Structures are given as structure tokens and as C-alpha cells.
Amino acid sequence: MEPSDARDLGREVLEAQRRFDVVLLTGERWSCELLTWGENELLVATGMGRYLLPKHTIAYVVLEEVDDDLLDADTAAVMATDSTSVATSIGGEDGEISAPVP
């Protein structure tokens, strides 16, 4: 999606996305559906009801996120690969530490 110069980027993105999470300045996180956009507030629906959310209370908007379980699995796989390669490069026959030369 290519935003137009004449429109507000935030408005354009949220109207296209419709469902997103907002993180408030208090640290609370709400899963929302955008109902309408006002000059100073958003009308959103959550699982708990409909809210008129002032824009100045929003710290940031989460449009898309990597699944933590997938991220943890990928990190574990990289760590396992990394520790194997480090273990084979440390302490050869004479106990020297070797490192790859860039």
C-alpha cells in the first residue's frame, strides 16, 4: 500500500488494517477494531466494549508482530548452532583458542 501525500499516514494505515493493538501511555495494551477516526480521537471496539480513545493517550500502535514461540524456537536453533561452532574452535589439540579470520 502506497500512502498518498495528502492524507495522514496513521489514518490511512489504520483504515486499511482495521484490527490492531494500541499501547497506551499507561502501558496497557488493547486489541481494537477501528470503527471511525476523528480529528483528536479514535472510536474503537474491543472485547469489553466501544471506546472513544483520545489520540494523545496512545504511545504506539502494533500492526503486526512476530510470534514469541516462533522467535524463541529460532533463537534456540541459532544458539545451538553457534555453541557447536564455538566449541569446535576453542581448545584444539594444543589448547589454543582459534577464531575465524574475516
C-alpha atoms as a PDB file:
ATOM      1  CA  MET A   1       0.000   0.000   0.000  1.00  0.00           C
ATOM      2  CA  GLU A   2       1.437   3.337  -1.072  1.00  0.00           C
ATOM      3  CA  PRO A   3       0.205   6.187   1.183  1.00  0.00           C
ATOM      4  CA  SER A   4      -0.799   9.391  -0.564  1.00  0.00           C
ATOM      5  CA  ASP A   5       0.886  12.669   0.409  1.00  0.00           C
ATOM      6  CA  ALA A   6      -2.455  14.426   1.006  1.00  0.00           C
ATOM      7  CA  ARG A   7      -3.612  12.019   3.756  1.00  0.00           C
ATOM      8  CA  ASP A   8      -2.432  11.308   7.248  1.00  0.00           C
ATOM      9  CA  LEU A   9      -0.293   8.130   7.172  1.00  0.00           C
ATOM     10  CA  GLY A  10      -1.634   6.868  10.503  1.00  0.00           C
ATOM     11  CA  ARG A  11      -5.212   7.252   9.377  1.00  0.00           C
ATOM     12  CA  GLU A  12      -4.568   5.575   6.048  1.00  0.00           C
ATOM     13  CA  VAL A  13      -2.782   2.613   7.613  1.00  0.00           C
ATOM     14  CA  LEU A  14      -5.361   2.065  10.371  1.00  0.00           C
ATOM     15  CA  GLU A  15      -8.301   2.359   7.997  1.00  0.00           C
ATOM     16  CA  ALA A  16      -6.705  -0.297   5.774  1.00  0.00           C
ATOM     17  CA  GLN A  17      -5.718  -2.532   8.727  1.00  0.00           C
ATOM     18  CA  ARG A  18      -8.956  -2.133  10.762  1.00  0.00           C
ATOM     19  CA  ARG A  19      -7.742  -4.520  13.547  1.00  0.00           C
ATOM     20  CA  PHE A  20      -4.666  -3.625  15.582  1.00  0.00           C
ATOM     21  CA  ASP A  21      -3.367  -3.264  19.133  1.00  0.00           C
ATOM     22  CA  VAL A  22      -2.763   0.059  20.820  1.00  0.00           C
ATOM     23  CA  VAL A  23      -0.352   0.509  23.685  1.00  0.00           C
ATOM     24  CA  LEU A  24      -1.423   3.368  25.891  1.00  0.00           C
ATOM     25  CA  LEU A  25       0.932   5.723  27.711  1.00  0.00           C
ATOM     26  CA  THR A  26      -0.012   3.836  30.913  1.00  0.00           C
ATOM     27  CA  GLY A  27       1.427   0.624  29.403  1.00  0.00           C
ATOM     28  CA  GLU A  28      -1.978  -1.014  28.910  1.00  0.00           C
ATOM     29  CA  ARG A  29      -2.411  -2.881  25.638  1.00  0.00           C
ATOM     30  CA  TRP A  30      -5.785  -3.037  23.894  1.00  0.00           C
ATOM     31  CA  SER A  31      -6.775  -5.198  20.916  1.00  0.00           C
ATOM     32  CA  CYS A  32      -9.041  -2.957  18.852  1.00  0.00           C
ATOM     33  CA  GLU A  33     -11.132  -2.685  15.762  1.00  0.00           C
ATOM     34  CA  LEU A  34     -11.296   0.790  14.273  1.00  0.00           C
ATOM     35  CA  LEU A  35     -14.886   1.985  13.941  1.00  0.00           C
ATOM     36  CA  THR A  36     -14.171   5.567  12.910  1.00  0.00           C
ATOM     37  CA  TRP A  37     -11.444   8.183  13.025  1.00  0.00           C
ATOM     38  CA  GLY A  38     -11.951  11.667  14.476  1.00  0.00           C
ATOM     39  CA  GLU A  39      -9.662  14.662  14.480  1.00  0.00           C
ATOM     40  CA  ASN A  40      -8.469  14.061  18.056  1.00  0.00           C
ATOM     41  CA  GLU A  41      -9.726  10.587  18.881  1.00  0.00           C
ATOM     42  CA  LEU A  42     -10.437   7.102  17.571  1.00  0.00           C
ATOM     43  CA  LEU A  43     -13.697   5.256  18.085  1.00  0.00           C
ATOM     44  CA  VAL A  44     -12.658   1.641  18.684  1.00  0.00           C
ATOM     45  CA  ALA A  45     -14.339  -1.598  19.683  1.00  0.00           C
ATOM     46  CA  THR A  46     -12.661  -4.101  21.989  1.00  0.00           C
ATOM     47  CA  GLY A  47     -13.853  -7.331  23.572  1.00  0.00           C
ATOM     48  CA  MET A  48     -15.059  -5.242  26.511  1.00  0.00           C
ATOM     49  CA  GLY A  49     -16.986  -2.547  24.646  1.00  0.00           C
ATOM     50  CA  ARG A  50     -16.716   0.560  22.471  1.00  0.00           C
ATOM     51  CA  TYR A  51     -14.374   3.371  23.478  1.00  0.00           C
ATOM     52  CA  LEU A  52     -13.626   6.889  22.332  1.00  0.00           C
ATOM     53  CA  LEU A  53      -9.838   6.816  22.618  1.00  0.00           C
ATOM     54  CA  PRO A  54      -8.056  10.200  22.640  1.00  0.00           C
ATOM     55  CA  LYS A  55      -5.023  10.094  20.336  1.00  0.00           C
ATOM     56  CA  HIS A  56      -2.815  11.770  22.953  1.00  0.00           C
ATOM     57  CA  THR A  57      -3.223   8.689  25.217  1.00  0.00           C
ATOM     58  CA  ILE A  58      -1.657   6.326  22.654  1.00  0.00           C
ATOM     59  CA  ALA A  59       2.049   5.515  22.990  1.00  0.00           C
ATOM     60  CA  TYR A  60       2.135   3.425  19.788  1.00  0.00           C
ATOM     61  CA  VAL A  61       0.111   1.111  17.568  1.00  0.00           C
ATOM     62  CA  VAL A  62       1.043  -2.525  16.938  1.00  0.00           C
ATOM     63  CA  LEU A  63       0.088  -3.545  13.404  1.00  0.00           C
ATOM     64  CA  GLU A  64       1.920  -6.861  13.178  1.00  0.00           C
ATOM     65  CA  GLU A  65       4.158  -8.855  15.485  1.00  0.00           C
ATOM     66  CA  VAL A  66       6.386 -11.906  15.310  1.00  0.00           C
ATOM     67  CA  ASP A  67       5.007 -14.847  17.320  1.00  0.00           C
ATOM     68  CA  ASP A  68       7.126 -15.182  20.502  1.00  0.00           C
ATOM     69  CA  ASP A  69       7.084 -19.007  20.315  1.00  0.00           C
ATOM     70  CA  LEU A  70       8.492 -18.923  16.781  1.00  0.00           C
ATOM     71  CA  LEU A  71      11.073 -16.334  17.792  1.00  0.00           C
ATOM     72  CA  ASP A  72      12.144 -18.435  20.810  1.00  0.00           C
ATOM     73  CA  ALA A  73      12.480 -21.566  18.639  1.00  0.00           C
ATOM     74  CA  ASP A  74      14.549 -19.696  16.037  1.00  0.00           C
ATOM     75  CA  THR A  75      16.760 -18.178  18.744  1.00  0.00           C
ATOM     76  CA  ALA A  76      17.306 -21.605  20.341  1.00  0.00           C
ATOM     77  CA  ALA A  77      18.273 -23.095  16.959  1.00  0.00           C
ATOM     78  CA  VAL A  78      20.764 -20.288  16.303  1.00  0.00           C
ATOM     79  CA  MET A  79      22.203 -20.591  19.823  1.00  0.00           C
ATOM     80  CA  ALA A  80      22.636 -24.369  19.412  1.00  0.00           C
ATOM     81  CA  THR A  81      24.378 -23.916  16.059  1.00  0.00           C
ATOM     82  CA  ASP A  82      26.517 -21.107  17.423  1.00  0.00           C
ATOM     83  CA  SER A  83      27.592 -23.012  20.553  1.00  0.00           C
ATOM     84  CA  THR A  84      28.558 -26.061  18.451  1.00  0.00           C
ATOM     85  CA  SER A  85      30.771 -23.991  16.171  1.00  0.00           C
ATOM     86  CA  VAL A  86      32.320 -22.159  19.137  1.00  0.00           C
ATOM     87  CA  ALA A  87      33.026 -25.416  20.967  1.00  0.00           C
ATOM     88  CA  THR A  88      34.899 -26.866  17.969  1.00  0.00           C
ATOM     89  CA  SER A  89      37.011 -23.733  17.569  1.00  0.00           C
ATOM     90  CA  ILE A  90      38.098 -23.451  21.213  1.00  0.00           C
ATOM     91  CA  GLY A  91      40.859 -25.572  22.685  1.00  0.00           C
ATOM     92  CA  GLY A  92      42.259 -27.563  19.814  1.00  0.00           C
ATOM     93  CA  GLU A  93      44.924 -30.177  20.495  1.00  0.00           C
ATOM     94  CA  ASP A  94      47.341 -27.655  21.999  1.00  0.00           C
ATOM     95  CA  GLY A  95      44.661 -25.751  23.971  1.00  0.00           C
ATOM     96  CA  GLU A  96      44.853 -22.640  21.780  1.00  0.00           C
ATOM     97  CA  ILE A  97      41.797 -20.578  21.075  1.00  0.00           C
ATOM     98  CA  SER A  98      41.209 -20.153  17.382  1.00  0.00           C
ATOM     99  CA  ALA A  99      38.880 -17.702  15.703  1.00  0.00           C
ATOM    100  CA  PRO A 100      37.891 -17.363  12.076  1.00  0.00           C
ATOM    101  CA  VAL A 101      39.689 -14.649  10.144  1.00  0.00           C
ATOM    102  CA  PRO A 102      37.315 -12.335   8.291  1.00  0.00           C
END
